[in-house]
C-alpha atoms as a PDB file:
ATOM      1  CA  UNK A   1      63.658  -6.397  46.172  1.00  0.00           C
ATOM      2  CA  UNK A   2      65.443  -9.375  47.676  1.00  0.00           C
ATOM      3  CA  UNK A   3      68.451 -10.769  45.831  1.00  0.00           C
ATOM      4  CA  UNK A   4      67.607 -14.189  44.490  1.00  0.00           C
ATOM      5  CA  UNK A   5      69.819 -16.621  42.684  1.00  0.00           C
ATOM      6  CA  UNK A   6      68.980 -17.093  39.027  1.00  0.00           C
ATOM      7  CA  UNK A   7      68.987 -20.686  37.907  1.00  0.00           C
ATOM      8  CA  UNK A   8      69.318 -22.115  34.434  1.00  0.00           C
ATOM      9  CA  UNK A   9      69.817 -25.699  33.394  1.00  0.00           C
ATOM     10  CA  UNK A  10      73.588 -25.530  33.966  1.00  0.00           C
ATOM     11  CA  UNK A  11      74.283 -22.457  36.137  1.00  0.00           C
ATOM     12  CA  UNK A  12      73.341 -20.750  39.356  1.00  0.00           C
ATOM     13  CA  UNK A  13      74.274 -17.081  39.495  1.00  0.00           C
ATOM     14  CA  UNK A  14      73.712 -13.789  41.238  1.00  0.00           C
ATOM     15  CA  UNK A  15      75.210 -11.025  39.109  1.00  0.00           C
ATOM     16  CA  UNK A  16      74.111  -7.475  39.857  1.00  0.00           C
ATOM     17  CA  UNK A  17      75.396  -4.461  37.959  1.00  0.00           C
ATOM     18  CA  UNK A  18      75.194  -0.756  38.745  1.00  0.00           C
ATOM     19  CA  UNK A  19      75.302   1.341  35.588  1.00  0.00           C
ATOM     20  CA  UNK A  20      75.436   5.125  35.459  1.00  0.00           C
ATOM     21  CA  UNK A  21      75.364   6.919  32.143  1.00  0.00           C
ATOM     22  CA  UNK A  22      74.868  10.432  30.894  1.00  0.00           C
ATOM     23  CA  UNK A  23      73.468  11.831  27.673  1.00  0.00           C
ATOM     24  CA  UNK A  24      75.816  13.595  25.346  1.00  0.00           C
ATOM     25  CA  UNK A  25      77.415  16.709  26.863  1.00  0.00           C
ATOM     26  CA  UNK A  26      75.402  16.038  30.061  1.00  0.00           C
ATOM     27  CA  UNK A  27      72.362  17.754  28.580  1.00  0.00           C
ATOM     28  CA  UNK A  28      69.493  18.026  31.032  1.00  0.00           C
ATOM     29  CA  UNK A  29      67.108  15.893  28.972  1.00  0.00           C
ATOM     30  CA  UNK A  30      65.148  14.431  31.879  1.00  0.00           C
ATOM     31  CA  UNK A  31      63.719  17.892  32.645  1.00  0.00           C
ATOM     32  CA  UNK A  32      61.565  17.486  29.519  1.00  0.00           C
ATOM     33  CA  UNK A  33      58.053  16.476  30.513  1.00  0.00           C
ATOM     34  CA  UNK A  34      57.243  12.793  29.948  1.00  0.00           C
ATOM     35  CA  UNK A  35      60.736  11.834  28.768  1.00  0.00           C
ATOM     36  CA  UNK A  36      61.740  10.088  31.988  1.00  0.00           C
ATOM     37  CA  UNK A  37      58.643   7.860  31.925  1.00  0.00           C
ATOM     38  CA  UNK A  38      59.192   7.036  28.244  1.00  0.00           C
ATOM     39  CA  UNK A  39      62.846   6.192  28.896  1.00  0.00           C
ATOM     40  CA  UNK A  40      61.977   3.880  31.789  1.00  0.00           C
ATOM     41  CA  UNK A  41      59.335   2.128  29.682  1.00  0.00           C
ATOM     42  CA  UNK A  42      61.801   1.547  26.844  1.00  0.00           C
ATOM     43  CA  UNK A  43      64.448   0.198  29.226  1.00  0.00           C
ATOM     44  CA  UNK A  44      61.916  -2.149  30.847  1.00  0.00           C
ATOM     45  CA  UNK A  45      60.827  -3.454  27.450  1.00  0.00           C
ATOM     46  CA  UNK A  46      64.390  -4.116  26.315  1.00  0.00           C
ATOM     47  CA  UNK A  47      65.385  -5.750  29.604  1.00  0.00           C
ATOM     48  CA  UNK A  48      62.380  -8.034  29.432  1.00  0.00           C
ATOM     49  CA  UNK A  49      63.344  -8.961  25.864  1.00  0.00           C
ATOM     50  CA  UNK A  50      66.930  -9.948  26.773  1.00  0.00           C
ATOM     51  CA  UNK A  51      66.012 -11.550  30.146  1.00  0.00           C
ATOM     52  CA  UNK A  52      67.438  -8.976  32.551  1.00  0.00           C
ATOM     53  CA  UNK A  53      65.754  -8.110  35.848  1.00  0.00           C
ATOM     54  CA  UNK A  54      65.592  -4.449  36.820  1.00  0.00           C
ATOM     55  CA  UNK A  55      66.258  -4.009  40.523  1.00  0.00           C
ATOM     56  CA  UNK A  56      66.013  -0.215  40.405  1.00  0.00           C
ATOM     57  CA  UNK A  57      66.138   2.560  37.839  1.00  0.00           C
ATOM     58  CA  UNK A  58      66.297   6.261  38.689  1.00  0.00           C
ATOM     59  CA  UNK A  59      66.859   9.338  36.561  1.00  0.00           C
ATOM     60  CA  UNK A  60      68.271  12.678  37.602  1.00  0.00           C
ATOM     61  CA  UNK A  61      68.146  15.731  35.348  1.00  0.00           C
ATOM     62  CA  UNK A  62      71.337  14.808  33.458  1.00  0.00           C
ATOM     63  CA  UNK A  63      72.099  11.122  34.174  1.00  0.00           C
ATOM     64  CA  UNK A  64      70.501   7.809  35.065  1.00  0.00           C
ATOM     65  CA  UNK A  65      71.304   4.992  37.514  1.00  0.00           C
ATOM     66  CA  UNK A  66      70.314   1.411  36.794  1.00  0.00           C
ATOM     67  CA  UNK A  67      70.692  -1.612  39.044  1.00  0.00           C
ATOM     68  CA  UNK A  68      70.313  -4.742  36.928  1.00  0.00           C
ATOM     69  CA  UNK A  69      70.460  -8.488  37.557  1.00  0.00           C
ATOM     70  CA  UNK A  70      71.745 -10.481  34.618  1.00  0.00           C
ATOM     71  CA  UNK A  71      72.675 -13.969  33.542  1.00  0.00           C
ATOM     72  CA  UNK A  72      76.407 -14.721  33.120  1.00  0.00           C
ATOM     73  CA  UNK A  73      76.016 -15.078  29.347  1.00  0.00           C
ATOM     74  CA  UNK A  74      75.739 -11.283  28.942  1.00  0.00           C
ATOM     75  CA  UNK A  75      78.732  -9.046  29.538  1.00  0.00           C
ATOM     76  CA  UNK A  76      78.265  -5.525  30.936  1.00  0.00           C
ATOM     77  CA  UNK A  77      79.236  -4.012  27.581  1.00  0.00           C
ATOM     78  CA  UNK A  78      76.657  -6.186  25.763  1.00  0.00           C
ATOM     79  CA  UNK A  79      73.950  -5.103  28.195  1.00  0.00           C
ATOM     80  CA  UNK A  80      74.667  -1.401  27.760  1.00  0.00           C
ATOM     81  CA  UNK A  81      75.056  -1.761  23.996  1.00  0.00           C
ATOM     82  CA  UNK A  82      71.571  -3.284  23.810  1.00  0.00           C
ATOM     83  CA  UNK A  83      69.914  -0.753  26.130  1.00  0.00           C
ATOM     84  CA  UNK A  84      71.580   2.407  24.811  1.00  0.00           C
ATOM     85  CA  UNK A  85      71.160   1.331  21.182  1.00  0.00           C
ATOM     86  CA  UNK A  86      67.474   0.552  21.683  1.00  0.00           C
ATOM     87  CA  UNK A  87      66.628   3.757  23.550  1.00  0.00           C
ATOM     88  CA  UNK A  88      68.489   5.988  21.101  1.00  0.00           C
ATOM     89  CA  UNK A  89      66.730   4.643  18.016  1.00  0.00           C
ATOM     90  CA  UNK A  90      63.137   4.532  19.271  1.00  0.00           C
END
């Protein structure tokens, strides 16, 4: 996917983040059948809700990589708080 500037009424930005996070104790949860697809679906739903573009998302057996494009109004900690909170409760 080509990097494109995101425009709002008052800003023009191109902010890409690379997040890597692991489940607790690096458990190998993505070996469970269907869990990786469910996780990706939940992340896509939440990102769509808070207006974040997913550039790429990949899961290994014990961690996940996400490349996200965000508006400058969201800090990296706010983004991860929203995504991790949403996926842990659903």
